[in-house]
Amino acid sequence: MKILNLLKIALKALNNNKLRCFLTMLGIIIGVGAVITMLAIGQGSKDSIRAQISEMGSNMIMIHPGNMQRGGVRQSADDMQTLEVSDYEAIQEIPGVASVSPTVSSGGQLVNGNNNYPSSIQGITPEYLDIRKFKVEDGSMFTDVDIKNAAKVCVLGKTLVNNLFPNGEDPVGKVIRFGKIPMTVIGVLESKGTNSMGQDQDDIVLAPYTTVMKRILAIDYVQGIFASATDEGETPEVIERIESLLRQRHRLTDGAENDFEIRSQQELSEMMNSTSDMMTVLLACIAGISLLVGGIGIMNIMYVSVTERTREIGLRMAIGARGIDILMQFLIESVIISISGGILGILLGFLATWLVNLVAHWPVSIQMYSVVLSFAVCTVTGVFFGWYPAKKAAGLDPIEAIRYE
């Protein structure tokens, strides 16, 4: 029999059982839609994390005091005083380092008249803005002269502006207090919102690091150093140079443990992407179970169809239909069910992804490979689970089939 005739027979048989055909498709529809939606959510999450890390500075390098054993006792990083201002100055001379800034911080209460807000003040240099991708929206940044004189000036993030100046007045030029120390506001930062960790990046006060060290903390060491590589691809090499320099400056012998820790945004990005990939694969596998269930449903219905149409099969074979014709007839029915379910599933996947973005406001990104893969799996499912029932139909004895009640 010609393929066109087999296709007409298959479509007629499916049309005679519309509801059963649709219920058979349902597993495939849900499976394909779920796979596309889950992969879209996973990819959207990765893209969002990548974008937020890029906003924080994708080539950023963070240096902090590290845990270390002294006298058999492991000291915590909070007790370590291994980073000095001279380390920061030496790192500035390393090839491949674009910007570098020491960091010191202290928590406390910020007060403006009757308004107050708990936060922490960050002691840095102006290069910190380039490293962390901050921009001054209003006013100006403090200068090297302010750093040299340990000037009592600061730059505020939008969260602090909203809480300390709730009536909308211009904070630039106003004097606020950090604890008991008066600080003149000379600038306001552009809003950056929350980062990938859920932290409010606008809850920030920036001041000269010398001011925080001398006037607030009364220390002569730095709590950390932030740097950035000239190019993201050079970050690993720059980290090696920084590590070598600090080991030399701190007189650490070969085999001795570092008294500092170096981290980069690339490490954070890779870790979060790895976690996101694992969760995406897990969700896709769970959604893929629906495809397996849908395939089993196709096999079950095709078995029922073969049983119901045993006499019809016998009559067709009696008037000249070959076993291959019967096999192709039922196989075409199975493939039509799976492909139709796949198409409807793709539409469901697009609709579900759009609703997730609209209602939950989650970042989503539909990947074409997920659509192609899901559709290919549907076709294979139709062939795989439809083959055995079709083969059984093709192997029926015509005489026994005609006698079947």
Protein backbone atom coordinates (compact mmCIF):
# COMPACT_ATOMS: atom_id res chain seq x y z
CA MET A 1 0.00 0.00 0.00
CA LYS A 2 1.17 3.52 -0.70
CA ILE A 3 2.28 5.73 2.18
CA LEU A 4 -0.45 8.26 1.31
CA ASN A 5 -3.15 5.61 1.66
CA LEU A 6 -1.65 4.39 4.95
CA LEU A 7 -1.63 7.98 6.21
CA LYS A 8 -5.33 8.41 5.30
CA ILE A 9 -6.24 5.16 7.06
CA ALA A 10 -4.26 6.18 10.18
CA LEU A 11 -5.88 9.62 10.32
CA LYS A 12 -9.35 8.09 9.91
CA ALA A 13 -8.68 5.60 12.71
CA LEU A 14 -7.50 8.38 15.04
CA ASN A 15 -10.45 10.58 14.09
CA ASN A 16 -12.84 7.82 15.17
CA ASN A 17 -11.42 8.00 18.72
CA LYS A 18 -10.72 11.72 19.22
CA LEU A 19 -10.97 11.80 23.02
CA ARG A 20 -8.84 8.70 23.50
CA CYS A 21 -6.29 10.08 21.05
CA PHE A 22 -6.10 13.41 22.92
CA LEU A 23 -5.74 11.72 26.32
CA THR A 24 -2.93 9.63 24.86
CA MET A 25 -1.21 12.80 23.65
CA LEU A 26 -1.57 14.48 27.04
CA GLY A 27 1.50 12.82 28.56
CA ILE A 28 3.60 13.93 25.59
CA ILE A 29 2.14 17.45 25.67
CA ILE A 30 2.85 17.93 29.38
CA GLY A 31 6.30 16.35 29.10
CA VAL A 32 7.46 18.54 26.21
CA GLY A 33 5.96 21.68 27.76
CA ALA A 34 7.61 20.94 31.11
CA VAL A 35 11.04 20.26 29.58
CA ILE A 36 10.99 23.51 27.57
CA THR A 37 9.78 25.54 30.58
CA MET A 38 12.30 24.05 33.02
CA LEU A 39 15.23 24.58 30.65
CA ALA A 40 14.04 28.14 29.95
CA ILE A 41 13.95 28.90 33.69
CA GLY A 42 17.40 27.35 34.18
CA GLN A 43 18.95 29.28 31.30
CA GLY A 44 17.25 32.49 32.40
CA SER A 45 18.69 32.02 35.88
CA LYS A 46 22.19 31.53 34.45
CA ASP A 47 21.89 34.61 32.24
CA SER A 48 20.66 36.66 35.20
CA ILE A 49 23.54 35.49 37.41
CA ARG A 50 26.04 36.22 34.65
CA ALA A 51 24.63 39.70 34.11
CA GLN A 52 24.64 40.53 37.82
CA ILE A 53 28.19 39.27 38.29
CA SER A 54 29.23 41.34 35.28
CA GLU A 55 27.65 44.39 36.94
CA MET A 56 29.65 43.67 40.09
CA GLY A 57 32.84 43.43 38.03
CA SER A 58 33.52 40.17 36.20
CA ASN A 59 37.31 40.67 36.46
CA MET A 60 37.23 41.60 40.15
CA ILE A 61 39.78 40.01 42.50
CA MET A 62 39.23 39.95 46.28
CA ILE A 63 42.07 39.52 48.76
CA HIS A 64 41.32 38.90 52.44
CA PRO A 65 43.28 37.71 55.47
CA GLY A 66 43.19 33.94 55.61
CA ASN A 67 42.89 31.35 58.34
CA MET A 68 46.28 30.31 59.64
CA GLN A 69 47.76 28.11 62.34
CA ARG A 70 50.10 29.68 64.80
CA GLY A 71 51.42 27.76 67.76
CA GLY A 72 49.12 24.87 66.86
CA VAL A 73 46.03 27.09 67.14
CA ARG A 74 44.03 28.00 64.04
CA GLN A 75 43.19 31.69 64.02
CA SER A 76 40.13 33.04 62.29
CA ALA A 77 40.36 35.57 59.46
CA ASP A 78 38.75 38.19 61.74
CA ASP A 79 41.77 38.02 64.06
CA MET A 80 44.34 38.21 61.29
CA GLN A 81 46.21 41.42 60.59
CA THR A 82 48.30 40.21 57.67
CA LEU A 83 47.37 42.78 55.01
CA GLU A 84 48.99 46.19 55.16
CA VAL A 85 48.71 49.42 53.24
CA SER A 86 52.13 48.67 51.75
CA ASP A 87 50.69 45.42 50.28
CA TYR A 88 48.04 47.48 48.50
CA GLU A 89 50.71 49.87 47.18
CA ALA A 90 52.84 46.97 45.95
CA ILE A 91 49.93 45.31 44.13
CA GLN A 92 49.44 48.54 42.16
CA GLU A 93 52.76 47.84 40.39
CA ILE A 94 51.85 44.31 39.23
CA PRO A 95 51.46 43.99 35.41
CA GLY A 96 47.86 43.29 34.42
CA VAL A 97 46.30 45.05 37.42
CA ALA A 98 43.94 47.79 36.24
CA SER A 99 42.68 49.15 39.56
CA VAL A 100 43.27 48.35 43.22
CA SER A 101 41.77 49.60 46.47
CA PRO A 102 42.21 48.68 50.14
CA THR A 103 39.04 48.09 52.13
CA VAL A 104 38.19 48.56 55.79
CA SER A 105 34.70 48.61 57.22
CA SER A 106 32.81 49.24 60.42
CA GLY A 107 29.18 48.79 61.35
CA GLY A 108 27.20 51.48 63.11
CA GLN A 109 24.25 53.83 63.13
CA LEU A 110 23.91 56.62 60.59
CA VAL A 111 22.00 59.64 61.85
CA ASN A 112 20.51 62.68 60.15
CA GLY A 113 18.37 64.74 62.52
CA ASN A 114 15.52 62.51 63.69
CA ASN A 115 16.24 59.87 61.02
CA ASN A 116 18.65 57.02 61.59
CA TYR A 117 19.54 53.81 59.80
CA PRO A 118 21.91 50.93 60.71
CA SER A 119 24.55 50.25 58.09
CA SER A 120 28.29 49.85 57.61
CA ILE A 121 30.82 52.32 56.30
CA GLN A 122 33.35 51.15 53.71
CA GLY A 123 36.79 52.74 53.67
CA ILE A 124 38.15 52.65 50.12
CA THR A 125 39.90 54.65 47.38
CA PRO A 126 38.17 56.12 44.27
CA GLU A 127 39.43 53.13 42.21
CA TYR A 128 36.89 51.02 44.11
CA LEU A 129 34.16 52.51 41.92
CA ASP A 130 35.85 51.15 38.76
CA ILE A 131 36.36 47.73 40.34
CA ARG A 132 32.77 47.36 41.56
CA LYS A 133 31.17 49.22 38.61
CA PHE A 134 29.67 51.94 40.80
CA LYS A 135 28.93 55.39 39.41
CA VAL A 136 28.35 58.73 41.14
CA GLU A 137 24.94 60.08 40.12
CA ASP A 138 24.98 63.36 42.03
CA GLY A 139 27.83 65.34 43.57
CA SER A 140 31.37 63.97 43.33
CA MET A 141 33.74 61.32 44.65
CA PHE A 142 36.34 62.13 47.27
CA THR A 143 39.90 62.73 46.07
CA ASP A 144 43.45 61.61 46.91
CA VAL A 145 43.79 64.78 48.99
CA ASP A 146 40.81 63.68 51.10
CA ILE A 147 42.51 60.29 51.58
CA LYS A 148 45.79 61.92 52.59
CA ASN A 149 44.05 64.18 55.12
CA ALA A 150 41.64 61.47 56.37
CA ALA A 151 38.81 63.88 55.56
CA LYS A 152 35.41 63.31 57.16
CA VAL A 153 33.50 63.01 53.87
CA CYS A 154 31.35 60.24 52.44
CA VAL A 155 29.32 59.09 49.44
CA LEU A 156 25.91 57.46 50.04
CA GLY A 157 23.96 54.72 48.27
CA LYS A 158 20.30 55.24 47.36
CA THR A 159 18.94 53.08 50.20
CA LEU A 160 20.62 55.29 52.78
CA VAL A 161 19.52 58.46 50.99
CA ASN A 162 15.90 57.25 51.07
CA ASN A 163 16.07 56.43 54.77
CA LEU A 164 18.10 59.41 56.01
CA PHE A 165 16.43 61.98 53.75
CA PRO A 166 12.85 60.66 53.44
CA ASN A 167 11.40 64.02 52.44
CA GLY A 168 13.35 64.11 49.20
CA GLU A 169 15.86 66.83 50.14
CA ASP A 170 19.23 66.91 48.40
CA PRO A 171 21.78 65.12 50.63
CA VAL A 172 24.85 66.60 48.94
CA GLY A 173 26.48 69.11 51.29
CA LYS A 174 24.54 67.88 54.33
CA VAL A 175 26.32 66.65 57.46
CA ILE A 176 25.30 63.28 58.89
CA ARG A 177 26.78 61.32 61.79
CA PHE A 178 28.27 57.86 61.81
CA GLY A 179 28.13 57.06 65.49
CA LYS A 180 29.58 60.23 67.00
CA ILE A 181 31.65 61.25 63.97
CA PRO A 182 30.22 63.96 61.66
CA MET A 183 30.55 63.17 57.93
CA THR A 184 29.83 65.57 55.07
CA VAL A 185 27.92 63.95 52.19
CA ILE A 186 29.68 64.92 48.94
CA GLY A 187 28.01 62.47 46.52
CA VAL A 188 25.24 59.97 45.83
CA LEU A 189 25.75 56.69 43.94
CA GLU A 190 23.57 55.39 41.11
CA SER A 191 21.16 52.67 42.18
CA LYS A 192 22.29 49.08 41.49
CA GLY A 193 19.56 47.12 43.27
CA THR A 194 20.15 43.67 44.76
CA ASN A 195 22.87 41.31 43.59
CA SER A 196 22.70 37.58 42.86
CA MET A 197 23.09 36.86 46.61
CA GLY A 198 20.05 38.98 47.44
CA GLN A 199 22.16 41.73 49.05
CA ASP A 200 21.13 45.36 48.69
CA GLN A 201 23.98 47.02 46.79
CA ASP A 202 22.53 50.47 47.53
CA ASP A 203 22.91 50.04 51.30
CA ILE A 204 26.43 51.42 51.25
CA VAL A 205 28.50 54.32 52.61
CA LEU A 206 31.87 55.01 51.02
CA ALA A 207 34.58 57.06 52.74
CA PRO A 208 38.38 57.44 52.45
CA TYR A 209 40.02 54.34 53.88
CA THR A 210 42.33 56.48 56.00
CA THR A 211 39.29 58.09 57.64
CA VAL A 212 37.82 54.73 58.63
CA MET A 213 41.18 53.35 59.76
CA LYS A 214 42.23 56.35 61.89
CA ARG A 215 39.01 58.02 63.04
CA ILE A 216 36.66 55.03 63.44
CA LEU A 217 38.57 51.76 63.84
CA ALA A 218 41.94 53.08 65.10
CA ILE A 219 43.91 50.39 63.25
CA ASP A 220 47.00 50.46 61.06
CA TYR A 221 46.22 47.48 58.78
CA VAL A 222 43.63 46.87 56.06
CA GLN A 223 40.88 44.26 56.23
CA GLY A 224 40.96 43.45 52.53
CA ILE A 225 42.14 44.53 49.10
CA PHE A 226 40.00 44.69 45.98
CA ALA A 227 41.62 44.66 42.55
CA SER A 228 40.63 44.21 38.92
CA ALA A 229 42.52 42.74 35.98
CA THR A 230 42.89 44.73 32.77
CA ASP A 231 41.14 41.89 30.95
CA GLU A 232 38.88 39.11 32.23
CA GLY A 233 41.01 36.51 30.46
CA GLU A 234 44.11 37.62 32.38
CA THR A 235 42.49 37.19 35.80
CA PRO A 236 44.10 33.77 36.59
CA GLU A 237 47.59 35.06 35.70
CA VAL A 238 47.07 38.24 37.75
CA ILE A 239 45.96 36.14 40.74
CA GLU A 240 49.16 34.08 40.49
CA ARG A 241 51.28 37.25 40.42
CA ILE A 242 49.46 38.70 43.43
CA GLU A 243 49.86 35.45 45.37
CA SER A 244 53.58 35.29 44.54
CA LEU A 245 54.10 38.92 45.57
CA LEU A 246 52.24 38.59 48.88
CA ARG A 247 54.03 35.36 49.78
CA GLN A 248 57.33 37.10 49.14
CA ARG A 249 56.33 40.21 51.12
CA HIS A 250 55.00 38.14 54.03
CA ARG A 251 58.16 36.00 54.03
CA LEU A 252 56.31 32.71 53.69
CA THR A 253 58.59 29.74 53.13
CA ASP A 254 57.98 27.06 50.51
CA GLY A 255 55.22 24.76 51.68
CA ALA A 256 53.94 27.26 54.24
CA GLU A 257 50.22 28.02 54.25
CA ASN A 258 49.10 31.37 52.84
CA ASP A 259 48.08 33.92 55.47
CA PHE A 260 45.68 35.44 52.94
CA GLU A 261 42.92 34.28 50.60
CA ILE A 262 42.38 35.33 47.00
CA ARG A 263 39.03 34.95 45.30
CA SER A 264 37.75 36.11 41.92
CA GLN A 265 34.34 36.70 40.40
CA GLN A 266 35.14 33.98 37.85
CA GLU A 267 35.24 31.40 40.65
CA LEU A 268 31.91 32.67 41.97
CA SER A 269 30.42 32.64 38.48
CA GLU A 270 31.63 29.09 37.78
CA MET A 271 30.32 27.83 41.11
CA MET A 272 26.89 29.41 40.65
CA ASN A 273 26.67 28.29 37.01
CA SER A 274 27.60 24.76 38.06
CA THR A 275 24.85 24.76 40.69
CA SER A 276 22.37 26.25 38.22
CA ASP A 277 23.29 23.64 35.58
CA MET A 278 22.82 20.81 38.06
CA MET A 279 19.40 22.11 39.11
CA THR A 280 18.38 22.64 35.47
CA VAL A 281 19.36 19.08 34.53
CA LEU A 282 17.54 17.74 37.58
CA LEU A 283 14.37 19.67 36.71
CA ALA A 284 14.62 18.61 33.05
CA CYS A 285 15.00 14.95 34.07
CA ILE A 286 11.94 15.18 36.31
CA ALA A 287 9.99 16.81 33.48
CA GLY A 288 11.32 14.18 31.06
CA ILE A 289 9.62 11.46 33.11
CA SER A 290 6.36 12.77 31.65
CA LEU A 291 7.68 11.93 28.18
CA LEU A 292 8.40 8.38 29.33
CA VAL A 293 4.91 8.10 30.83
CA GLY A 294 3.47 9.51 27.61
CA GLY A 295 5.37 6.90 25.59
CA ILE A 296 4.03 4.10 27.78
CA GLY A 297 0.55 5.55 27.25
CA ILE A 298 1.05 5.42 23.48
CA MET A 299 2.13 1.77 23.70
CA ASN A 300 -0.85 0.88 25.88
CA ILE A 301 -3.37 2.57 23.56
CA MET A 302 -1.81 1.01 20.48
CA TYR A 303 -2.13 -2.42 22.09
CA VAL A 304 -5.79 -1.69 22.76
CA SER A 305 -6.22 -0.48 19.19
CA VAL A 306 -4.63 -3.65 17.78
CA THR A 307 -6.93 -5.79 19.93
CA GLU A 308 -10.06 -3.84 18.93
CA ARG A 309 -9.21 -3.97 15.23
CA THR A 310 -8.03 -7.58 15.00
CA ARG A 311 -10.80 -8.57 12.55
CA GLU A 312 -10.12 -5.45 10.45
CA ILE A 313 -6.44 -6.43 10.29
CA GLY A 314 -7.39 -9.97 9.24
CA LEU A 315 -9.67 -8.69 6.45
CA ARG A 316 -6.97 -6.35 5.12
CA MET A 317 -4.42 -9.15 5.06
CA ALA A 318 -6.96 -11.50 3.43
CA ILE A 319 -7.42 -9.11 0.49
CA GLY A 320 -3.70 -8.67 -0.07
CA ALA A 321 -2.24 -6.34 2.55
CA ARG A 322 1.29 -7.38 3.53
CA GLY A 323 2.68 -7.54 7.04
CA ILE A 324 4.84 -4.47 6.36
CA ASP A 325 1.70 -2.53 5.34
CA ILE A 326 -0.05 -3.37 8.62
CA LEU A 327 3.11 -2.52 10.58
CA MET A 328 3.45 0.85 8.82
CA GLN A 329 -0.25 1.63 9.38
CA PHE A 330 -0.02 1.31 13.15
CA LEU A 331 3.44 2.85 13.31
CA ILE A 332 2.17 5.92 11.43
CA GLU A 333 -0.70 6.22 13.93
CA SER A 334 1.79 6.13 16.81
CA VAL A 335 4.10 8.72 15.21
CA ILE A 336 1.15 11.03 14.41
CA ILE A 337 0.07 10.92 18.06
CA SER A 338 3.58 11.69 19.35
CA ILE A 339 4.36 14.43 16.80
CA SER A 340 0.98 16.11 17.31
CA GLY A 341 1.53 15.95 21.06
CA GLY A 342 5.01 17.37 20.55
CA ILE A 343 3.72 20.37 18.59
CA LEU A 344 1.04 21.08 21.20
CA GLY A 345 3.66 20.58 23.93
CA ILE A 346 5.95 23.17 22.32
CA LEU A 347 3.09 25.67 22.27
CA LEU A 348 2.35 24.82 25.93
CA GLY A 349 6.04 25.31 26.77
CA PHE A 350 6.10 28.78 25.20
CA LEU A 351 2.86 29.71 26.97
CA ALA A 352 4.04 28.40 30.36
CA THR A 353 7.38 30.20 30.01
CA TRP A 354 5.60 33.46 29.22
CA LEU A 355 3.28 33.01 32.23
CA VAL A 356 6.24 32.28 34.55
CA ASN A 357 7.89 35.52 33.48
CA LEU A 358 4.63 37.47 33.67
CA VAL A 359 3.34 36.18 37.01
CA ALA A 360 6.46 35.18 38.98
CA HIS A 361 8.80 37.69 37.28
CA TRP A 362 11.50 35.02 37.03
CA PRO A 363 14.12 35.51 34.32
CA VAL A 364 13.52 33.03 31.48
CA SER A 365 15.27 32.32 28.21
CA ILE A 366 13.89 29.72 25.78
CA GLN A 367 16.69 27.83 24.08
CA MET A 368 16.12 26.55 20.55
CA TYR A 369 18.02 23.35 21.35
CA SER A 370 15.41 22.49 24.00
CA VAL A 371 12.61 22.83 21.43
CA VAL A 372 14.45 20.73 18.83
CA LEU A 373 15.50 18.14 21.42
CA SER A 374 11.99 17.81 22.83
CA PHE A 375 10.48 17.40 19.35
CA ALA A 376 13.13 14.83 18.37
CA VAL A 377 12.46 12.86 21.57
CA CYS A 378 8.73 12.89 20.74
CA THR A 379 9.35 11.40 17.30
CA VAL A 380 11.67 8.73 18.71
CA THR A 381 9.14 8.00 21.45
CA GLY A 382 6.40 7.46 18.85
CA VAL A 383 8.55 5.06 16.84
CA PHE A 384 9.99 3.24 19.86
CA PHE A 385 6.75 2.70 21.79
CA GLY A 386 4.63 2.17 18.66
CA TRP A 387 6.91 -0.41 17.06
CA TYR A 388 6.11 -3.40 19.25
CA PRO A 389 2.28 -3.13 19.04
CA ALA A 390 2.59 -2.51 15.28
CA LYS A 391 4.86 -5.54 14.92
CA LYS A 392 2.34 -7.63 16.84
CA ALA A 393 -0.43 -6.49 14.47
CA ALA A 394 1.72 -7.32 11.44
CA GLY A 395 2.37 -10.83 12.77
CA LEU A 396 -1.30 -11.83 13.17
CA ASP A 397 -2.55 -14.85 11.27
CA PRO A 398 -5.26 -13.66 8.80
CA ILE A 399 -7.58 -16.65 9.42
CA GLU A 400 -7.32 -16.39 13.23
CA ALA A 401 -7.74 -12.61 13.02
CA ILE A 402 -10.96 -12.89 10.99
CA ARG A 403 -12.35 -15.42 13.48
CA TYR A 404 -11.51 -13.12 16.44
CA GLU A 405 -14.58 -12.01 18.44
